[in-house]
Amino acid sequence: MKVRSFSRAIKFGLLDFGRNIWLSLGTLAIMVLTLFTISLLVFLNILGNEAIQEFQEKVSISVYFKSTSKEGQIKKLEKEVSSWTQIKETTYISKEEALLSFQEKHKEDPLIMASLKELEENPLKASLTIVAHFPEQYVQIAERLESKHYQSIIDEINFRDNRSIIDRLSNITRTIKRIGVITGSILCAVAILVVFNTIRLTIYTQRKEIGIMKLVGATNQFIQLPYIIEGALYGLFAGVINFGILYYLVRYISPKIYTFFESQVSGLFNYFTVNLALILAIEVGFAIFLGIMSSFIATRKYLKV
């Protein structure tokens, strides 16, 4: 197609977009809502994965020993555990160290300090904190520590609660991902149908003009292109508007996420700004693709080209 014909097609596409302004705004609103919902679900999934990752990095196994356990027995166990391939590091805290740490932590609480003085012996237990190389290794480590071989000196292993929290977070993230796929697919279908019907209505209102163009020798591509451009415009404007909404939303909620997690999960806004161009390209590109595909289907069906 010649450059001149292409520029005319663009002009006609712009005219069609502005001719039915309220219909165009309604279509645009549906596309923005679709993109915003999909983007929100994607960011929720990212947040969930980051929260799980951060929590997993802080997970460790704390092994508490029986008061009858000898220091030599505990040291032997620590040496043996440290030799396991899954172990990254171990930290042993004796009963005396645990008591000193507890006293330092609660030194401003006279009731607790007075209660400690009333006790004839140290109520705290010696413990061993174990950190694995990878989160998935903790189950195997816990199972090995729960074997009969160590039951005579180990009193308690507190990993199960952490494991339960990780599993819950993983389930929530998987659920968000499933909901995102289903909801996103439905909304994409709705957006395609809305643009499809908008283009179909435009074609219907211009059916006489189209007939005249065919009579004077206009090619199928020339007739079809303005409607495809109109669909692309819906996508372009919807993508830019949605990106602007997302930018200010992420900027607003990022500090609140930081306060809630007390962590660097709030790096969401930093991630957004660093990848600004990529996110904009994906948002706008996907929206334009939806618009063009809807228009193409509509024109193929109703223009019979």
Protein backbone atom coordinates (compact mmCIF):
# COMPACT_ATOMS: atom_id res chain seq x y z
CA MET A 1 0.00 0.00 0.00
CA LYS A 2 1.33 3.43 -0.92
CA VAL A 3 2.37 5.90 1.77
CA ARG A 4 -0.34 8.35 0.68
CA SER A 5 -3.06 5.68 0.91
CA PHE A 6 -1.73 4.61 4.31
CA SER A 7 -1.83 8.20 5.65
CA ARG A 8 -5.42 8.51 4.42
CA ALA A 9 -6.34 5.29 6.18
CA ILE A 10 -4.86 6.68 9.41
CA LYS A 11 -6.85 9.88 8.96
CA PHE A 12 -10.08 7.92 8.47
CA GLY A 13 -9.28 5.81 11.51
CA LEU A 14 -8.85 8.93 13.65
CA LEU A 15 -12.09 10.37 12.31
CA ASP A 16 -13.96 7.14 13.12
CA PHE A 17 -12.52 7.17 16.64
CA GLY A 18 -13.77 10.72 17.29
CA ARG A 19 -17.04 10.46 15.37
CA ASN A 20 -18.85 8.39 18.06
CA ILE A 21 -17.12 9.92 21.08
CA TRP A 22 -19.37 8.42 23.78
CA LEU A 23 -19.16 4.96 22.28
CA SER A 24 -15.40 5.37 22.01
CA LEU A 25 -15.13 6.48 25.66
CA GLY A 26 -17.22 3.51 26.80
CA THR A 27 -15.03 1.10 24.85
CA LEU A 28 -11.92 2.80 26.20
CA ALA A 29 -13.21 2.49 29.78
CA ILE A 30 -13.79 -1.26 29.36
CA MET A 31 -10.28 -1.75 27.99
CA VAL A 32 -8.73 0.30 30.81
CA LEU A 33 -10.65 -1.75 33.39
CA THR A 34 -9.48 -4.97 31.75
CA LEU A 35 -5.85 -3.91 31.66
CA PHE A 36 -5.96 -2.52 35.20
CA THR A 37 -7.43 -5.72 36.66
CA ILE A 38 -4.89 -7.91 34.86
CA SER A 39 -2.01 -5.63 35.94
CA LEU A 40 -3.23 -5.59 39.53
CA LEU A 41 -3.39 -9.38 39.67
CA VAL A 42 0.11 -9.61 38.18
CA PHE A 43 1.51 -7.23 40.80
CA LEU A 44 -0.28 -9.11 43.60
CA ASN A 45 1.37 -12.27 42.35
CA ILE A 46 4.78 -10.54 42.32
CA LEU A 47 4.23 -9.28 45.87
CA GLY A 48 3.19 -12.73 47.04
CA ASN A 49 6.28 -14.35 45.54
CA GLU A 50 8.56 -11.71 47.06
CA ALA A 51 6.93 -12.10 50.47
CA ILE A 52 7.40 -15.87 50.36
CA GLN A 53 10.99 -15.53 49.19
CA GLU A 54 11.81 -13.05 51.94
CA PHE A 55 10.14 -15.14 54.62
CA GLN A 56 11.95 -18.26 53.43
CA GLU A 57 15.28 -16.46 53.69
CA LYS A 58 14.52 -15.72 57.36
CA VAL A 59 13.36 -19.25 58.18
CA SER A 60 15.57 -21.43 60.33
CA ILE A 61 15.21 -24.49 62.53
CA SER A 62 15.61 -23.96 66.27
CA VAL A 63 16.46 -27.10 68.20
CA TYR A 64 15.94 -26.95 71.98
CA PHE A 65 17.74 -29.44 74.17
CA LYS A 66 16.61 -31.22 77.31
CA SER A 67 17.87 -29.80 80.59
CA THR A 68 19.58 -33.15 81.24
CA SER A 69 21.63 -32.91 78.04
CA LYS A 70 25.37 -32.55 78.54
CA GLU A 71 27.38 -29.82 76.84
CA GLY A 72 29.57 -32.47 75.24
CA GLN A 73 26.55 -34.26 73.75
CA ILE A 74 25.22 -31.02 72.29
CA LYS A 75 28.58 -30.04 70.80
CA LYS A 76 28.88 -33.50 69.24
CA LEU A 77 25.42 -33.14 67.68
CA GLU A 78 26.30 -29.65 66.39
CA LYS A 79 29.47 -30.96 64.75
CA GLU A 80 27.57 -33.84 63.17
CA VAL A 81 24.75 -31.60 61.87
CA SER A 82 27.23 -29.06 60.49
CA SER A 83 28.69 -31.78 58.28
CA TRP A 84 25.38 -32.37 56.50
CA THR A 85 25.39 -31.09 52.92
CA GLN A 86 22.11 -29.17 53.39
CA ILE A 87 23.46 -27.04 56.25
CA LYS A 88 24.64 -23.50 55.58
CA GLU A 89 25.44 -22.52 59.18
CA THR A 90 24.66 -23.39 62.79
CA THR A 91 24.62 -21.22 65.91
CA TYR A 92 24.75 -22.72 69.38
CA ILE A 93 23.35 -20.78 72.36
CA SER A 94 24.02 -22.23 75.79
CA LYS A 95 21.59 -21.97 78.72
CA GLU A 96 23.73 -19.24 80.29
CA GLU A 97 23.88 -17.21 77.05
CA ALA A 98 20.13 -17.59 76.60
CA LEU A 99 19.54 -16.30 80.13
CA LEU A 100 21.82 -13.30 79.65
CA SER A 101 20.10 -12.44 76.38
CA PHE A 102 16.68 -12.74 78.02
CA GLN A 103 17.71 -10.53 80.92
CA GLU A 104 19.08 -7.89 78.55
CA LYS A 105 15.90 -7.92 76.53
CA HIS A 106 13.62 -7.54 79.57
CA LYS A 107 15.84 -5.45 81.84
CA GLU A 108 13.25 -2.63 81.84
CA ASP A 109 10.51 -4.97 83.08
CA PRO A 110 10.82 -5.22 86.91
CA LEU A 111 8.16 -7.93 87.20
CA ILE A 112 10.00 -10.33 84.88
CA MET A 113 13.35 -9.58 86.49
CA ALA A 114 11.91 -10.19 89.96
CA SER A 115 10.37 -13.47 88.78
CA LEU A 116 13.75 -14.65 87.48
CA LYS A 117 15.36 -13.94 90.85
CA GLU A 118 12.74 -16.09 92.54
CA LEU A 119 13.69 -19.11 90.45
CA GLU A 120 16.35 -21.41 91.88
CA GLU A 121 17.70 -22.49 88.49
CA ASN A 122 17.93 -21.25 84.92
CA PRO A 123 14.55 -22.02 83.25
CA LEU A 124 15.85 -21.53 79.70
CA LYS A 125 17.13 -24.29 77.45
CA ALA A 126 20.23 -24.53 75.33
CA SER A 127 19.41 -24.24 71.64
CA LEU A 128 20.91 -24.74 68.21
CA THR A 129 19.79 -22.55 65.30
CA ILE A 130 20.20 -24.23 61.91
CA VAL A 131 20.15 -22.42 58.55
CA ALA A 132 19.89 -24.42 55.32
CA HIS A 133 21.17 -23.50 51.86
CA PHE A 134 17.67 -23.73 50.35
CA PRO A 135 14.21 -23.48 51.97
CA GLU A 136 13.03 -26.81 50.54
CA GLN A 137 15.79 -28.59 52.52
CA TYR A 138 14.29 -27.78 55.92
CA VAL A 139 11.75 -30.61 55.82
CA GLN A 140 14.49 -33.19 55.29
CA ILE A 141 16.64 -31.64 58.04
CA ALA A 142 13.72 -31.62 60.50
CA GLU A 143 12.92 -35.26 59.70
CA ARG A 144 16.53 -36.28 60.35
CA LEU A 145 16.58 -34.42 63.67
CA GLU A 146 13.32 -36.12 64.73
CA SER A 147 14.85 -39.58 64.33
CA LYS A 148 15.32 -41.84 67.39
CA HIS A 149 19.06 -41.24 67.26
CA TYR A 150 18.64 -37.72 68.71
CA GLN A 151 15.58 -38.17 70.93
CA SER A 152 17.62 -38.60 74.08
CA ILE A 153 18.94 -35.01 74.01
CA ILE A 154 16.52 -33.03 71.82
CA ASP A 155 13.44 -31.69 73.59
CA GLU A 156 11.75 -29.65 70.83
CA ILE A 157 12.10 -28.63 67.18
CA ASN A 158 10.13 -25.50 66.23
CA PHE A 159 10.27 -25.65 62.42
CA ARG A 160 6.73 -26.96 61.82
CA ASP A 161 5.05 -23.61 62.50
CA ASN A 162 7.30 -21.86 59.98
CA ARG A 163 6.62 -24.59 57.46
CA SER A 164 2.89 -24.10 57.91
CA ILE A 165 3.21 -20.34 57.25
CA ILE A 166 5.28 -20.93 54.09
CA ASP A 167 2.72 -23.44 52.82
CA ARG A 168 -0.14 -21.00 53.47
CA LEU A 169 1.66 -18.19 51.65
CA SER A 170 2.43 -20.50 48.74
CA ASN A 171 -1.22 -21.57 48.55
CA ILE A 172 -2.38 -17.94 48.57
CA THR A 173 0.05 -17.07 45.77
CA ARG A 174 -1.06 -20.07 43.69
CA THR A 175 -4.70 -19.10 44.24
CA ILE A 176 -4.00 -15.50 43.13
CA LYS A 177 -2.26 -16.85 40.03
CA ARG A 178 -5.21 -19.10 39.14
CA ILE A 179 -7.71 -16.30 39.74
CA GLY A 180 -5.52 -14.00 37.65
CA VAL A 181 -5.45 -16.39 34.69
CA ILE A 182 -9.22 -17.01 34.80
CA THR A 183 -10.20 -13.38 35.46
CA GLY A 184 -7.70 -12.06 32.92
CA SER A 185 -8.96 -14.43 30.24
CA ILE A 186 -12.59 -13.45 30.89
CA LEU A 187 -11.80 -9.72 30.86
CA CYS A 188 -9.73 -10.04 27.68
CA ALA A 189 -12.66 -11.79 26.02
CA VAL A 190 -15.00 -9.02 27.22
CA ALA A 191 -12.63 -6.31 25.91
CA ILE A 192 -12.37 -8.05 22.53
CA LEU A 193 -16.16 -8.34 22.30
CA VAL A 194 -16.65 -4.67 23.21
CA VAL A 195 -14.16 -3.45 20.60
CA PHE A 196 -15.57 -5.99 18.14
CA ASN A 197 -19.11 -4.63 18.58
CA THR A 198 -17.90 -1.03 18.43
CA ILE A 199 -16.17 -1.66 15.10
CA ARG A 200 -19.19 -3.61 13.86
CA LEU A 201 -21.47 -0.68 14.71
CA THR A 202 -19.10 1.71 12.96
CA ILE A 203 -19.08 -0.51 9.87
CA TYR A 204 -22.89 -0.67 9.93
CA THR A 205 -23.28 3.12 10.13
CA GLN A 206 -20.82 3.55 7.25
CA ARG A 207 -22.12 0.72 5.06
CA LYS A 208 -23.16 3.11 2.25
CA GLU A 209 -19.76 4.82 2.25
CA ILE A 210 -18.06 1.43 2.13
CA GLY A 211 -20.23 0.40 -0.83
CA ILE A 212 -19.30 3.58 -2.71
CA MET A 213 -15.59 3.04 -2.00
CA LYS A 214 -15.82 -0.48 -3.40
CA LEU A 215 -17.56 0.82 -6.51
CA VAL A 216 -14.80 3.35 -7.22
CA GLY A 217 -12.14 0.64 -6.88
CA ALA A 218 -10.90 0.91 -3.27
CA THR A 219 -8.91 -2.17 -2.27
CA ASN A 220 -9.96 -4.42 0.57
CA GLN A 221 -6.87 -3.44 2.56
CA PHE A 222 -7.66 0.26 2.19
CA ILE A 223 -11.23 -0.26 3.45
CA GLN A 224 -10.12 -2.52 6.29
CA LEU A 225 -7.15 -0.49 7.56
CA PRO A 226 -9.02 2.51 9.11
CA TYR A 227 -11.02 0.16 11.36
CA ILE A 228 -7.88 -1.69 12.42
CA ILE A 229 -6.26 1.67 13.17
CA GLU A 230 -9.33 2.62 15.21
CA GLY A 231 -8.94 -0.58 17.27
CA ALA A 232 -5.22 0.14 17.70
CA LEU A 233 -6.09 3.64 18.99
CA TYR A 234 -8.39 2.13 21.61
CA GLY A 235 -5.51 -0.04 22.73
CA LEU A 236 -2.96 2.79 22.64
CA PHE A 237 -5.03 5.19 24.74
CA ALA A 238 -6.17 2.43 27.12
CA GLY A 239 -2.57 1.26 27.65
CA VAL A 240 -1.24 4.76 28.37
CA ILE A 241 -4.14 5.60 30.73
CA ASN A 242 -3.76 2.31 32.59
CA PHE A 243 0.01 2.82 32.90
CA GLY A 244 -0.56 6.26 34.44
CA ILE A 245 -3.05 4.83 36.95
CA LEU A 246 -0.67 2.00 37.86
CA TYR A 247 2.27 4.36 38.30
CA TYR A 248 0.50 6.56 40.85
CA LEU A 249 -1.12 3.58 42.58
CA VAL A 250 2.20 1.77 43.06
CA ARG A 251 3.82 5.03 44.17
CA TYR A 252 1.07 5.52 46.76
CA ILE A 253 0.90 1.98 48.19
CA SER A 254 4.64 1.19 48.15
CA PRO A 255 5.42 2.93 51.51
CA LYS A 256 2.39 1.23 53.09
CA ILE A 257 3.61 -2.17 51.90
CA TYR A 258 6.99 -1.37 53.47
CA THR A 259 5.30 -0.55 56.79
CA PHE A 260 3.23 -3.75 56.67
CA PHE A 261 6.05 -6.13 55.80
CA GLU A 262 8.83 -4.16 57.51
CA SER A 263 11.03 -5.29 54.66
CA GLN A 264 12.25 -4.47 51.19
CA VAL A 265 9.14 -5.93 49.58
CA SER A 266 8.25 -2.28 49.09
CA GLY A 267 10.94 -2.28 46.42
CA LEU A 268 7.92 -2.69 44.16
CA PHE A 269 7.99 1.02 43.29
CA ASN A 270 11.74 0.92 42.66
CA TYR A 271 11.22 -2.12 40.43
CA PHE A 272 8.43 -0.24 38.63
CA THR A 273 10.59 2.85 38.00
CA VAL A 274 13.67 0.85 36.94
CA ASN A 275 11.58 -1.14 34.43
CA LEU A 276 9.41 1.83 33.43
CA ALA A 277 10.00 1.56 29.69
CA LEU A 278 9.54 -2.23 29.63
CA ILE A 279 6.28 -2.12 31.62
CA LEU A 280 4.93 0.70 29.44
CA ALA A 281 5.85 -1.23 26.28
CA ILE A 282 4.16 -4.41 27.56
CA GLU A 283 1.02 -2.57 28.73
CA VAL A 284 0.58 -0.55 25.55
CA GLY A 285 1.68 -3.38 23.24
CA PHE A 286 -0.77 -5.84 24.78
CA ALA A 287 -3.61 -3.29 24.65
CA ILE A 288 -2.89 -2.46 20.99
CA PHE A 289 -2.79 -6.18 20.20
CA LEU A 290 -6.26 -6.62 21.75
CA GLY A 291 -7.61 -3.66 19.80
CA ILE A 292 -6.13 -4.76 16.47
CA MET A 293 -7.22 -8.38 16.89
CA SER A 294 -10.80 -7.32 17.71
CA SER A 295 -10.92 -4.97 14.72
CA PHE A 296 -9.41 -7.53 12.39
CA ILE A 297 -12.00 -10.15 13.36
CA ALA A 298 -14.84 -7.63 12.99
CA THR A 299 -13.71 -6.38 9.59
CA ARG A 300 -13.12 -9.89 8.25
CA LYS A 301 -16.63 -10.86 9.33
CA TYR A 302 -18.65 -7.79 8.36
CA LEU A 303 -16.70 -6.28 5.47
CA LYS A 304 -16.37 -9.68 3.78
CA VAL A 305 -12.85 -8.87 2.62
